[in-house]
Amino acid sequence: MTDHPQLQLDAQLCFPLYAATRAVTGAYADLLAPAGLTYPQYLTVLALGGADGPMTVGDLGRALRLDSGTLTPLLKRLEAAGHVARHRDPADERRVLVALTGQGRELRDSLADVPMRMAERMGLPRRDVGELRRLLGALLEGLDGH
């Protein structure tokens, strides 16, 4: 018993978010293992594949909400595997551009069933998935505002 019911674990929003994040990341790890990708690498492949052209490392980091200390080693591993190419921007040598290689685009195409398989694992109706995405987006916007 506590004098502060707001401090009960069951009263915290952060705990189900944390537990759900771990569960979702673990489920993605299972789905991505055959492709040899980690979850952050998968997100990187998706971000690069959805871009109109090469992305700067800075823009990619902002899109993925990753700092350069996390993103750079991740990109090095994807580059070593032949999935991405990095090169200096000819218009501004300070910037590094990243793009999927042909092999990276083939890898992305091979992952087309992952979202559907993940949705099946979640067991949520499509409308609930959409609402959850909306709410989580609003949560991120609120936190970004502080």
N, C-alpha and C. Protein backbone atom coordinates (compact mmCIF):
# COMPACT_ATOMS: atom_id res chain seq x y z
N MET A 1 0.85 -1.18 0.00
CA MET A 1 0.00 0.00 0.00
C MET A 1 0.89 1.24 0.00
N THR A 2 0.42 2.25 -0.71
CA THR A 2 1.22 3.46 -0.82
C THR A 2 0.36 4.69 -0.60
N ASP A 3 1.02 5.74 -0.16
CA ASP A 3 0.33 7.02 0.00
C ASP A 3 0.26 7.77 -1.33
N HIS A 4 0.90 7.22 -2.35
CA HIS A 4 0.98 7.88 -3.65
C HIS A 4 0.51 6.92 -4.74
N PRO A 5 -0.80 6.82 -4.94
CA PRO A 5 -1.31 5.88 -5.95
C PRO A 5 -0.79 6.20 -7.36
N GLN A 6 -0.44 7.45 -7.61
CA GLN A 6 0.08 7.82 -8.92
C GLN A 6 1.45 7.19 -9.19
N LEU A 7 2.07 6.62 -8.15
CA LEU A 7 3.37 5.98 -8.31
C LEU A 7 3.27 4.47 -8.46
N GLN A 8 2.07 3.94 -8.52
CA GLN A 8 1.89 2.52 -8.76
C GLN A 8 2.29 2.20 -10.20
N LEU A 9 2.95 1.08 -10.38
CA LEU A 9 3.37 0.69 -11.72
C LEU A 9 2.20 0.63 -12.69
N ASP A 10 1.09 0.10 -12.25
CA ASP A 10 -0.10 -0.01 -13.11
C ASP A 10 -0.70 1.34 -13.48
N ALA A 11 -0.32 2.40 -12.80
CA ALA A 11 -0.84 3.74 -13.10
C ALA A 11 0.03 4.49 -14.12
N GLN A 12 1.15 3.91 -14.49
CA GLN A 12 2.11 4.60 -15.35
C GLN A 12 1.81 4.36 -16.83
N LEU A 13 1.84 5.40 -17.62
CA LEU A 13 1.74 5.28 -19.07
C LEU A 13 3.07 4.78 -19.63
N CYS A 14 4.16 5.19 -19.01
CA CYS A 14 5.48 4.84 -19.53
C CYS A 14 5.72 3.34 -19.54
N PHE A 15 5.17 2.60 -18.57
CA PHE A 15 5.47 1.18 -18.52
C PHE A 15 4.85 0.40 -19.68
N PRO A 16 3.56 0.55 -19.99
CA PRO A 16 3.06 -0.19 -21.16
C PRO A 16 3.72 0.26 -22.46
N LEU A 17 4.11 1.53 -22.56
CA LEU A 17 4.84 1.97 -23.75
C LEU A 17 6.19 1.26 -23.84
N TYR A 18 6.89 1.19 -22.73
CA TYR A 18 8.19 0.52 -22.68
C TYR A 18 8.04 -0.96 -23.00
N ALA A 19 7.10 -1.62 -22.36
CA ALA A 19 6.91 -3.05 -22.56
C ALA A 19 6.47 -3.34 -24.00
N ALA A 20 5.58 -2.51 -24.53
CA ALA A 20 5.12 -2.70 -25.92
C ALA A 20 6.28 -2.48 -26.89
N THR A 21 7.11 -1.48 -26.65
CA THR A 21 8.26 -1.23 -27.51
C THR A 21 9.18 -2.44 -27.54
N ARG A 22 9.44 -3.00 -26.38
CA ARG A 22 10.32 -4.19 -26.32
C ARG A 22 9.67 -5.37 -27.05
N ALA A 23 8.38 -5.56 -26.87
CA ALA A 23 7.69 -6.68 -27.51
C ALA A 23 7.65 -6.50 -29.03
N VAL A 24 7.36 -5.30 -29.48
CA VAL A 24 7.30 -5.03 -30.92
C VAL A 24 8.69 -5.19 -31.55
N THR A 25 9.71 -4.64 -30.90
CA THR A 25 11.07 -4.77 -31.41
C THR A 25 11.49 -6.23 -31.47
N GLY A 26 11.13 -7.01 -30.46
CA GLY A 26 11.45 -8.43 -30.47
C GLY A 26 10.74 -9.18 -31.58
N ALA A 27 9.49 -8.83 -31.83
CA ALA A 27 8.75 -9.47 -32.91
C ALA A 27 9.36 -9.12 -34.26
N TYR A 28 9.75 -7.87 -34.44
CA TYR A 28 10.43 -7.49 -35.68
C TYR A 28 11.75 -8.24 -35.82
N ALA A 29 12.48 -8.40 -34.74
CA ALA A 29 13.75 -9.13 -34.80
C ALA A 29 13.54 -10.53 -35.36
N ASP A 30 12.48 -11.20 -34.92
CA ASP A 30 12.17 -12.54 -35.43
C ASP A 30 11.88 -12.50 -36.94
N LEU A 31 11.10 -11.51 -37.36
CA LEU A 31 10.72 -11.41 -38.77
C LEU A 31 11.88 -11.00 -39.67
N LEU A 32 12.82 -10.22 -39.12
CA LEU A 32 13.91 -9.68 -39.93
C LEU A 32 15.16 -10.56 -39.93
N ALA A 33 15.23 -11.51 -39.00
CA ALA A 33 16.43 -12.36 -38.89
C ALA A 33 16.76 -13.07 -40.20
N PRO A 34 15.77 -13.62 -40.93
CA PRO A 34 16.13 -14.29 -42.19
C PRO A 34 16.79 -13.35 -43.21
N ALA A 35 16.48 -12.06 -43.15
CA ALA A 35 17.08 -11.08 -44.06
C ALA A 35 18.41 -10.56 -43.54
N GLY A 36 18.76 -10.94 -42.30
CA GLY A 36 20.02 -10.50 -41.72
C GLY A 36 20.01 -9.06 -41.27
N LEU A 37 18.84 -8.53 -40.96
CA LEU A 37 18.71 -7.13 -40.56
C LEU A 37 18.30 -7.01 -39.10
N THR A 38 18.78 -5.95 -38.48
CA THR A 38 18.27 -5.56 -37.17
C THR A 38 17.08 -4.62 -37.41
N TYR A 39 16.33 -4.35 -36.36
CA TYR A 39 15.19 -3.45 -36.49
C TYR A 39 15.63 -2.04 -36.94
N PRO A 40 16.67 -1.43 -36.33
CA PRO A 40 17.09 -0.11 -36.81
C PRO A 40 17.57 -0.14 -38.26
N GLN A 41 18.21 -1.22 -38.68
CA GLN A 41 18.61 -1.33 -40.08
C GLN A 41 17.39 -1.40 -41.00
N TYR A 42 16.38 -2.14 -40.58
CA TYR A 42 15.13 -2.22 -41.34
C TYR A 42 14.52 -0.84 -41.52
N LEU A 43 14.43 -0.07 -40.45
CA LEU A 43 13.87 1.27 -40.54
C LEU A 43 14.69 2.15 -41.48
N THR A 44 16.01 1.98 -41.45
CA THR A 44 16.89 2.75 -42.32
C THR A 44 16.63 2.40 -43.78
N VAL A 45 16.50 1.12 -44.08
CA VAL A 45 16.21 0.68 -45.44
C VAL A 45 14.86 1.25 -45.89
N LEU A 46 13.88 1.25 -45.00
CA LEU A 46 12.57 1.81 -45.35
C LEU A 46 12.67 3.31 -45.63
N ALA A 47 13.38 4.03 -44.77
CA ALA A 47 13.50 5.49 -44.94
C ALA A 47 14.21 5.81 -46.25
N LEU A 48 15.30 5.12 -46.53
CA LEU A 48 16.04 5.39 -47.77
C LEU A 48 15.24 4.98 -48.99
N GLY A 49 14.52 3.88 -48.88
CA GLY A 49 13.71 3.41 -50.00
C GLY A 49 12.52 4.30 -50.29
N GLY A 50 12.06 5.03 -49.31
CA GLY A 50 10.93 5.93 -49.50
C GLY A 50 11.32 7.33 -49.92
N ALA A 51 12.62 7.60 -49.97
CA ALA A 51 13.10 8.93 -50.35
C ALA A 51 13.14 9.07 -51.87
N ASP A 52 13.05 10.31 -52.32
CA ASP A 52 13.10 10.59 -53.76
C ASP A 52 14.50 10.44 -54.34
N GLY A 53 15.48 10.44 -53.50
CA GLY A 53 16.87 10.32 -53.93
C GLY A 53 17.73 10.10 -52.71
N PRO A 54 19.04 10.29 -52.87
CA PRO A 54 19.91 10.14 -51.70
C PRO A 54 19.52 11.10 -50.58
N MET A 55 19.76 10.67 -49.36
CA MET A 55 19.47 11.49 -48.19
C MET A 55 20.78 11.86 -47.52
N THR A 56 20.83 13.04 -46.91
CA THR A 56 21.99 13.35 -46.09
C THR A 56 21.90 12.52 -44.81
N VAL A 57 23.03 12.29 -44.21
CA VAL A 57 23.04 11.56 -42.95
C VAL A 57 22.22 12.32 -41.91
N GLY A 58 22.30 13.64 -41.92
CA GLY A 58 21.53 14.45 -40.98
C GLY A 58 20.03 14.29 -41.17
N ASP A 59 19.58 14.34 -42.42
CA ASP A 59 18.15 14.17 -42.70
C ASP A 59 17.68 12.77 -42.33
N LEU A 60 18.51 11.78 -42.61
CA LEU A 60 18.17 10.41 -42.26
C LEU A 60 18.07 10.26 -40.74
N GLY A 61 19.01 10.84 -40.03
CA GLY A 61 18.97 10.80 -38.56
C GLY A 61 17.72 11.44 -38.00
N ARG A 62 17.32 12.58 -38.58
CA ARG A 62 16.09 13.24 -38.12
C ARG A 62 14.86 12.37 -38.42
N ALA A 63 14.83 11.78 -39.60
CA ALA A 63 13.69 10.94 -39.97
C ALA A 63 13.56 9.73 -39.05
N LEU A 64 14.70 9.18 -38.65
CA LEU A 64 14.70 7.97 -37.81
C LEU A 64 14.79 8.29 -36.31
N ARG A 65 14.98 9.57 -36.00
CA ARG A 65 15.15 9.99 -34.61
C ARG A 65 16.36 9.31 -33.97
N LEU A 66 17.45 9.27 -34.75
CA LEU A 66 18.70 8.67 -34.28
C LEU A 66 19.81 9.72 -34.35
N ASP A 67 20.70 9.70 -33.37
CA ASP A 67 21.85 10.60 -33.41
C ASP A 67 22.94 9.99 -34.28
N SER A 68 23.89 10.80 -34.68
CA SER A 68 24.93 10.33 -35.59
C SER A 68 25.80 9.24 -34.97
N GLY A 69 25.94 9.25 -33.65
CA GLY A 69 26.72 8.21 -32.98
C GLY A 69 26.09 6.84 -33.10
N THR A 70 24.79 6.79 -33.25
CA THR A 70 24.07 5.53 -33.45
C THR A 70 23.96 5.22 -34.94
N LEU A 71 23.70 6.25 -35.73
CA LEU A 71 23.44 6.06 -37.16
C LEU A 71 24.69 5.68 -37.94
N THR A 72 25.82 6.29 -37.64
CA THR A 72 27.03 6.04 -38.42
C THR A 72 27.45 4.57 -38.40
N PRO A 73 27.54 3.91 -37.23
CA PRO A 73 27.91 2.49 -37.26
C PRO A 73 26.86 1.63 -37.97
N LEU A 74 25.60 2.00 -37.84
CA LEU A 74 24.53 1.28 -38.51
C LEU A 74 24.70 1.37 -40.03
N LEU A 75 25.01 2.58 -40.51
CA LEU A 75 25.23 2.77 -41.95
C LEU A 75 26.47 2.03 -42.43
N LYS A 76 27.51 2.01 -41.60
CA LYS A 76 28.72 1.28 -41.98
C LYS A 76 28.43 -0.20 -42.16
N ARG A 77 27.61 -0.77 -41.29
CA ARG A 77 27.26 -2.19 -41.41
C ARG A 77 26.41 -2.44 -42.66
N LEU A 78 25.45 -1.55 -42.93
CA LEU A 78 24.64 -1.70 -44.14
C LEU A 78 25.49 -1.53 -45.40
N GLU A 79 26.46 -0.63 -45.34
CA GLU A 79 27.35 -0.42 -46.49
C GLU A 79 28.24 -1.65 -46.69
N ALA A 80 28.78 -2.20 -45.60
CA ALA A 80 29.64 -3.39 -45.70
C ALA A 80 28.87 -4.58 -46.28
N ALA A 81 27.57 -4.63 -45.99
CA ALA A 81 26.72 -5.71 -46.52
C ALA A 81 26.29 -5.45 -47.96
N GLY A 82 26.61 -4.26 -48.49
CA GLY A 82 26.27 -3.94 -49.87
C GLY A 82 24.88 -3.36 -50.07
N HIS A 83 24.21 -2.97 -48.98
CA HIS A 83 22.83 -2.48 -49.09
C HIS A 83 22.74 -0.97 -49.31
N VAL A 84 23.74 -0.23 -48.85
CA VAL A 84 23.72 1.23 -49.03
C VAL A 84 25.08 1.69 -49.54
N ALA A 85 25.07 2.86 -50.16
CA ALA A 85 26.29 3.52 -50.59
C ALA A 85 26.30 4.90 -49.97
N ARG A 86 27.46 5.28 -49.46
CA ARG A 86 27.65 6.62 -48.90
C ARG A 86 28.70 7.34 -49.71
N HIS A 87 28.48 8.64 -49.95
CA HIS A 87 29.48 9.45 -50.63
C HIS A 87 29.29 10.91 -50.25
N ARG A 88 30.35 11.67 -50.40
CA ARG A 88 30.29 13.10 -50.11
C ARG A 88 29.42 13.80 -51.14
N ASP A 89 28.68 14.78 -50.67
CA ASP A 89 27.85 15.59 -51.56
C ASP A 89 28.77 16.48 -52.39
N PRO A 90 28.74 16.36 -53.72
CA PRO A 90 29.63 17.20 -54.54
C PRO A 90 29.35 18.70 -54.37
N ALA A 91 28.11 19.04 -54.02
CA ALA A 91 27.75 20.45 -53.84
C ALA A 91 28.21 20.99 -52.49
N ASP A 92 28.45 20.10 -51.53
CA ASP A 92 28.88 20.51 -50.18
C ASP A 92 29.62 19.33 -49.56
N GLU A 93 30.93 19.36 -49.64
CA GLU A 93 31.77 18.25 -49.18
C GLU A 93 31.59 17.91 -47.70
N ARG A 94 30.99 18.80 -46.94
CA ARG A 94 30.77 18.52 -45.51
C ARG A 94 29.65 17.52 -45.29
N ARG A 95 28.78 17.38 -46.29
CA ARG A 95 27.62 16.50 -46.15
C ARG A 95 27.89 15.14 -46.79
N VAL A 96 27.39 14.10 -46.11
CA VAL A 96 27.48 12.75 -46.65
C VAL A 96 26.08 12.34 -47.11
N LEU A 97 26.01 11.84 -48.33
CA LEU A 97 24.75 11.36 -48.89
C LEU A 97 24.70 9.85 -48.81
N VAL A 98 23.51 9.33 -48.55
CA VAL A 98 23.31 7.88 -48.41
C VAL A 98 22.15 7.49 -49.31
N ALA A 99 22.31 6.36 -49.99
CA ALA A 99 21.23 5.83 -50.84
C ALA A 99 21.31 4.31 -50.83
N LEU A 100 20.18 3.70 -51.11
CA LEU A 100 20.16 2.25 -51.28
C LEU A 100 20.89 1.89 -52.57
N THR A 101 21.60 0.79 -52.55
CA THR A 101 22.18 0.23 -53.76
C THR A 101 21.11 -0.61 -54.45
N GLY A 102 21.42 -1.15 -55.61
CA GLY A 102 20.50 -2.09 -56.26
C GLY A 102 20.19 -3.26 -55.34
N GLN A 103 21.21 -3.77 -54.69
CA GLN A 103 21.01 -4.86 -53.74
C GLN A 103 20.11 -4.42 -52.58
N GLY A 104 20.28 -3.19 -52.13
CA GLY A 104 19.45 -2.66 -51.05
C GLY A 104 18.00 -2.53 -51.47
N ARG A 105 17.78 -2.12 -52.72
CA ARG A 105 16.40 -2.01 -53.22
C ARG A 105 15.76 -3.40 -53.33
N GLU A 106 16.55 -4.39 -53.75
CA GLU A 106 16.04 -5.76 -53.79
C GLU A 106 15.71 -6.26 -52.39
N LEU A 107 16.56 -5.93 -51.44
CA LEU A 107 16.30 -6.31 -50.05
C LEU A 107 15.00 -5.68 -49.57
N ARG A 108 14.83 -4.38 -49.85
CA ARG A 108 13.60 -3.69 -49.45
C ARG A 108 12.38 -4.37 -50.06
N ASP A 109 12.46 -4.71 -51.32
CA ASP A 109 11.34 -5.39 -51.99
C ASP A 109 11.04 -6.73 -51.32
N SER A 110 12.09 -7.42 -50.88
CA SER A 110 11.89 -8.73 -50.25
C SER A 110 11.23 -8.62 -48.88
N LEU A 111 11.18 -7.42 -48.34
CA LEU A 111 10.59 -7.19 -47.01
C LEU A 111 9.14 -6.71 -47.09
N ALA A 112 8.56 -6.73 -48.27
CA ALA A 112 7.23 -6.15 -48.47
C ALA A 112 6.16 -6.81 -47.61
N ASP A 113 6.35 -8.06 -47.22
CA ASP A 113 5.33 -8.74 -46.41
C ASP A 113 5.51 -8.52 -44.91
N VAL A 114 6.58 -7.89 -44.49
CA VAL A 114 6.84 -7.71 -43.06
C VAL A 114 5.74 -6.90 -42.37
N PRO A 115 5.29 -5.76 -42.92
CA PRO A 115 4.24 -5.02 -42.22
C PRO A 115 2.97 -5.86 -42.00
N MET A 116 2.56 -6.63 -43.02
CA MET A 116 1.35 -7.45 -42.89
C MET A 116 1.56 -8.54 -41.83
N ARG A 117 2.72 -9.17 -41.86
CA ARG A 117 3.01 -10.21 -40.89
C ARG A 117 3.07 -9.63 -39.47
N MET A 118 3.59 -8.43 -39.34
CA MET A 118 3.66 -7.78 -38.04
C MET A 118 2.25 -7.41 -37.56
N ALA A 119 1.41 -6.93 -38.46
CA ALA A 119 0.03 -6.59 -38.09
C ALA A 119 -0.70 -7.83 -37.58
N GLU A 120 -0.46 -8.97 -38.23
CA GLU A 120 -1.08 -10.22 -37.77
C GLU A 120 -0.62 -10.57 -36.36
N ARG A 121 0.67 -10.37 -36.08
CA ARG A 121 1.19 -10.68 -34.75
C ARG A 121 0.59 -9.76 -33.69
N MET A 122 0.35 -8.52 -34.06
CA MET A 122 -0.20 -7.57 -33.09
C MET A 122 -1.62 -7.92 -32.71
N GLY A 123 -2.36 -8.48 -33.63
CA GLY A 123 -3.72 -8.90 -33.33
C GLY A 123 -4.70 -7.76 -33.12
N LEU A 124 -4.38 -6.59 -33.65
CA LEU A 124 -5.27 -5.43 -33.52
C LEU A 124 -6.04 -5.23 -34.82
N PRO A 125 -7.31 -4.83 -34.71
CA PRO A 125 -8.05 -4.47 -35.93
C PRO A 125 -7.37 -3.29 -36.62
N ARG A 126 -7.50 -3.21 -37.93
CA ARG A 126 -6.84 -2.15 -38.72
C ARG A 126 -7.19 -0.76 -38.19
N ARG A 127 -8.45 -0.54 -37.82
CA ARG A 127 -8.84 0.80 -37.32
C ARG A 127 -8.11 1.13 -36.03
N ASP A 128 -7.87 0.12 -35.17
CA ASP A 128 -7.14 0.36 -33.93
C ASP A 128 -5.67 0.67 -34.19
N VAL A 129 -5.10 0.01 -35.20
CA VAL A 129 -3.71 0.29 -35.57
C VAL A 129 -3.60 1.73 -36.04
N GLY A 130 -4.53 2.17 -36.87
CA GLY A 130 -4.53 3.56 -37.33
C GLY A 130 -4.67 4.54 -36.19
N GLU A 131 -5.56 4.25 -35.26
CA GLU A 131 -5.75 5.13 -34.10
C GLU A 131 -4.52 5.15 -33.21
N LEU A 132 -3.90 3.99 -33.02
CA LEU A 132 -2.69 3.93 -32.21
C LEU A 132 -1.58 4.75 -32.86
N ARG A 133 -1.43 4.64 -34.18
CA ARG A 133 -0.42 5.45 -34.88
C ARG A 133 -0.70 6.94 -34.69
N ARG A 134 -1.98 7.31 -34.79
CA ARG A 134 -2.34 8.72 -34.61
C ARG A 134 -2.00 9.20 -33.21
N LEU A 135 -2.36 8.42 -32.21
CA LEU A 135 -2.09 8.80 -30.82
C LEU A 135 -0.60 8.87 -30.53
N LEU A 136 0.16 7.91 -31.03
CA LEU A 136 1.60 7.92 -30.80
C LEU A 136 2.26 9.11 -31.52
N GLY A 137 1.75 9.44 -32.70
CA GLY A 137 2.24 10.63 -33.41
C GLY A 137 1.97 11.89 -32.61
N ALA A 138 0.78 11.99 -32.03
CA ALA A 138 0.45 13.14 -31.19
C ALA A 138 1.34 13.18 -29.95
N LEU A 139 1.60 12.02 -29.37
CA LEU A 139 2.48 11.95 -28.21
C LEU A 139 3.88 12.47 -28.57
N LEU A 140 4.41 12.03 -29.70
CA LEU A 140 5.73 12.49 -30.12
C LEU A 140 5.76 13.99 -30.38
N GLU A 141 4.71 14.49 -31.03
CA GLU A 141 4.64 15.93 -31.27
C GLU A 141 4.63 16.70 -29.96
N GLY A 142 3.85 16.20 -28.99
CA GLY A 142 3.80 16.86 -27.69
C GLY A 142 5.15 16.86 -27.00
N LEU A 143 5.83 15.73 -27.06
CA LEU A 143 7.15 15.65 -26.42
C LEU A 143 8.18 16.47 -27.16
N ASP A 144 8.07 16.54 -28.49
CA ASP A 144 8.99 17.37 -29.26
C ASP A 144 8.80 18.85 -28.94
N GLY A 145 7.59 19.24 -28.55
CA GLY A 145 7.30 20.63 -28.22
C GLY A 145 7.90 21.09 -26.92
N HIS A 146 8.40 20.14 -26.13
CA HIS A 146 8.97 20.52 -24.83
C HIS A 146 10.44 20.50 -24.92
